[in-house]
Amino acid sequence: MKGPFDGLPGAWHTVFEWCQAQALTPAGINWEIYGGEQDAELYALLA
């Protein structure tokens, strides 16, 4: 994700919508890694 961290909820929503469209099921374990002031990587473990 690029941009202010207050965009994280929307970014997660986008990740989970993509998973649903690909028929992938998140296992409920998700994490974020912060790079810079406006940079985060989102990860979701898939079942």
N, C-alpha and C. Protein backbone atom coordinates (compact mmCIF):
# COMPACT_ATOMS: atom_id res chain seq x y z
N MET A 1 0.84 -1.16 0.00
CA MET A 1 0.00 0.00 0.00
C MET A 1 0.88 1.22 0.00
N LYS A 2 0.56 2.17 -0.81
CA LYS A 2 1.24 3.46 -0.83
C LYS A 2 0.24 4.51 -0.37
N GLY A 3 0.67 5.39 0.49
CA GLY A 3 -0.19 6.47 0.95
C GLY A 3 -0.28 6.48 2.47
N PRO A 4 -1.08 7.39 3.01
CA PRO A 4 -1.20 7.53 4.46
C PRO A 4 -1.73 6.25 5.10
N PHE A 5 -1.29 6.01 6.31
CA PHE A 5 -1.69 4.79 7.01
C PHE A 5 -3.18 4.75 7.33
N ASP A 6 -3.87 5.87 7.28
CA ASP A 6 -5.32 5.81 7.51
C ASP A 6 -6.03 5.13 6.34
N GLY A 7 -5.29 4.81 5.27
CA GLY A 7 -5.84 4.06 4.15
C GLY A 7 -5.76 2.55 4.33
N LEU A 8 -5.18 2.09 5.44
CA LEU A 8 -5.04 0.65 5.66
C LEU A 8 -6.37 -0.11 5.65
N PRO A 9 -7.42 0.37 6.32
CA PRO A 9 -8.68 -0.39 6.26
C PRO A 9 -9.17 -0.61 4.82
N GLY A 10 -9.09 0.41 3.99
CA GLY A 10 -9.51 0.27 2.60
C GLY A 10 -8.61 -0.68 1.82
N ALA A 11 -7.31 -0.65 2.13
CA ALA A 11 -6.37 -1.55 1.45
C ALA A 11 -6.68 -3.01 1.81
N TRP A 12 -6.97 -3.26 3.08
CA TRP A 12 -7.34 -4.62 3.49
C TRP A 12 -8.62 -5.05 2.79
N HIS A 13 -9.57 -4.16 2.68
CA HIS A 13 -10.82 -4.47 1.98
C HIS A 13 -10.52 -4.89 0.54
N THR A 14 -9.62 -4.18 -0.12
CA THR A 14 -9.23 -4.52 -1.49
C THR A 14 -8.57 -5.89 -1.55
N VAL A 15 -7.70 -6.20 -0.59
CA VAL A 15 -7.04 -7.51 -0.56
C VAL A 15 -8.08 -8.62 -0.43
N PHE A 16 -9.02 -8.46 0.50
CA PHE A 16 -10.01 -9.51 0.73
C PHE A 16 -11.00 -9.64 -0.42
N GLU A 17 -11.32 -8.53 -1.09
CA GLU A 17 -12.16 -8.61 -2.29
C GLU A 17 -11.45 -9.39 -3.39
N TRP A 18 -10.14 -9.14 -3.55
CA TRP A 18 -9.37 -9.86 -4.56
C TRP A 18 -9.35 -11.35 -4.24
N CYS A 19 -9.12 -11.69 -2.97
CA CYS A 19 -9.11 -13.10 -2.57
C CYS A 19 -10.44 -13.77 -2.93
N GLN A 20 -11.54 -13.09 -2.62
CA GLN A 20 -12.86 -13.64 -2.92
C GLN A 20 -13.03 -13.84 -4.43
N ALA A 21 -12.61 -12.88 -5.22
CA ALA A 21 -12.74 -12.99 -6.68
C ALA A 21 -11.91 -14.13 -7.24
N GLN A 22 -10.82 -14.48 -6.56
CA GLN A 22 -9.94 -15.57 -7.00
C GLN A 22 -10.32 -16.90 -6.35
N ALA A 23 -11.41 -16.94 -5.59
CA ALA A 23 -11.86 -18.13 -4.86
C ALA A 23 -10.81 -18.60 -3.86
N LEU A 24 -10.12 -17.64 -3.23
CA LEU A 24 -9.13 -17.93 -2.20
C LEU A 24 -9.72 -17.59 -0.84
N THR A 25 -9.36 -18.37 0.17
CA THR A 25 -9.92 -18.17 1.51
C THR A 25 -8.82 -17.76 2.48
N PRO A 26 -8.87 -16.53 3.00
CA PRO A 26 -7.92 -16.12 4.03
C PRO A 26 -8.12 -16.98 5.29
N ALA A 27 -7.01 -17.36 5.92
CA ALA A 27 -7.07 -18.23 7.10
C ALA A 27 -7.28 -17.45 8.39
N GLY A 28 -7.36 -16.12 8.31
CA GLY A 28 -7.59 -15.32 9.51
C GLY A 28 -6.32 -14.79 10.14
N ILE A 29 -5.17 -15.10 9.56
CA ILE A 29 -3.90 -14.57 10.06
C ILE A 29 -3.41 -13.56 9.02
N ASN A 30 -3.38 -12.31 9.43
CA ASN A 30 -2.98 -11.22 8.54
C ASN A 30 -1.94 -10.38 9.25
N TRP A 31 -1.03 -9.77 8.48
CA TRP A 31 -0.04 -8.91 9.11
C TRP A 31 0.38 -7.81 8.16
N GLU A 32 0.97 -6.79 8.73
CA GLU A 32 1.43 -5.62 7.99
C GLU A 32 2.91 -5.40 8.29
N ILE A 33 3.66 -4.99 7.29
CA ILE A 33 5.06 -4.61 7.47
C ILE A 33 5.19 -3.18 6.97
N TYR A 34 5.68 -2.31 7.83
CA TYR A 34 5.78 -0.90 7.51
C TYR A 34 7.16 -0.58 6.98
N GLY A 35 7.21 0.10 5.81
CA GLY A 35 8.46 0.46 5.20
C GLY A 35 8.88 1.87 5.55
N GLY A 36 8.17 2.83 5.04
CA GLY A 36 8.49 4.23 5.28
C GLY A 36 7.32 4.93 5.92
N GLU A 37 7.32 6.23 5.79
CA GLU A 37 6.25 7.02 6.40
C GLU A 37 4.90 6.76 5.74
N GLN A 38 4.91 6.40 4.48
CA GLN A 38 3.65 6.14 3.78
C GLN A 38 3.79 4.89 2.92
N ASP A 39 4.21 3.81 3.54
CA ASP A 39 4.43 2.57 2.81
C ASP A 39 4.18 1.39 3.73
N ALA A 40 3.32 0.47 3.30
CA ALA A 40 3.06 -0.73 4.09
C ALA A 40 2.85 -1.90 3.13
N GLU A 41 3.27 -3.09 3.55
CA GLU A 41 3.01 -4.30 2.80
C GLU A 41 1.98 -5.09 3.61
N LEU A 42 0.96 -5.59 2.92
CA LEU A 42 -0.09 -6.35 3.57
C LEU A 42 0.02 -7.80 3.17
N TYR A 43 -0.11 -8.69 4.14
CA TYR A 43 -0.02 -10.12 3.90
C TYR A 43 -1.21 -10.82 4.53
N ALA A 44 -1.75 -11.81 3.84
CA ALA A 44 -2.84 -12.62 4.37
C ALA A 44 -2.49 -14.09 4.11
N LEU A 45 -2.46 -14.87 5.18
CA LEU A 45 -2.25 -16.32 5.05
C LEU A 45 -3.51 -16.93 4.46
N LEU A 46 -3.35 -17.78 3.45
CA LEU A 46 -4.50 -18.39 2.78
C LEU A 46 -4.65 -19.83 3.23
N ALA A 47 -5.92 -20.24 3.35
CA ALA A 47 -6.22 -21.61 3.76
C ALA A 47 -6.35 -22.49 2.53
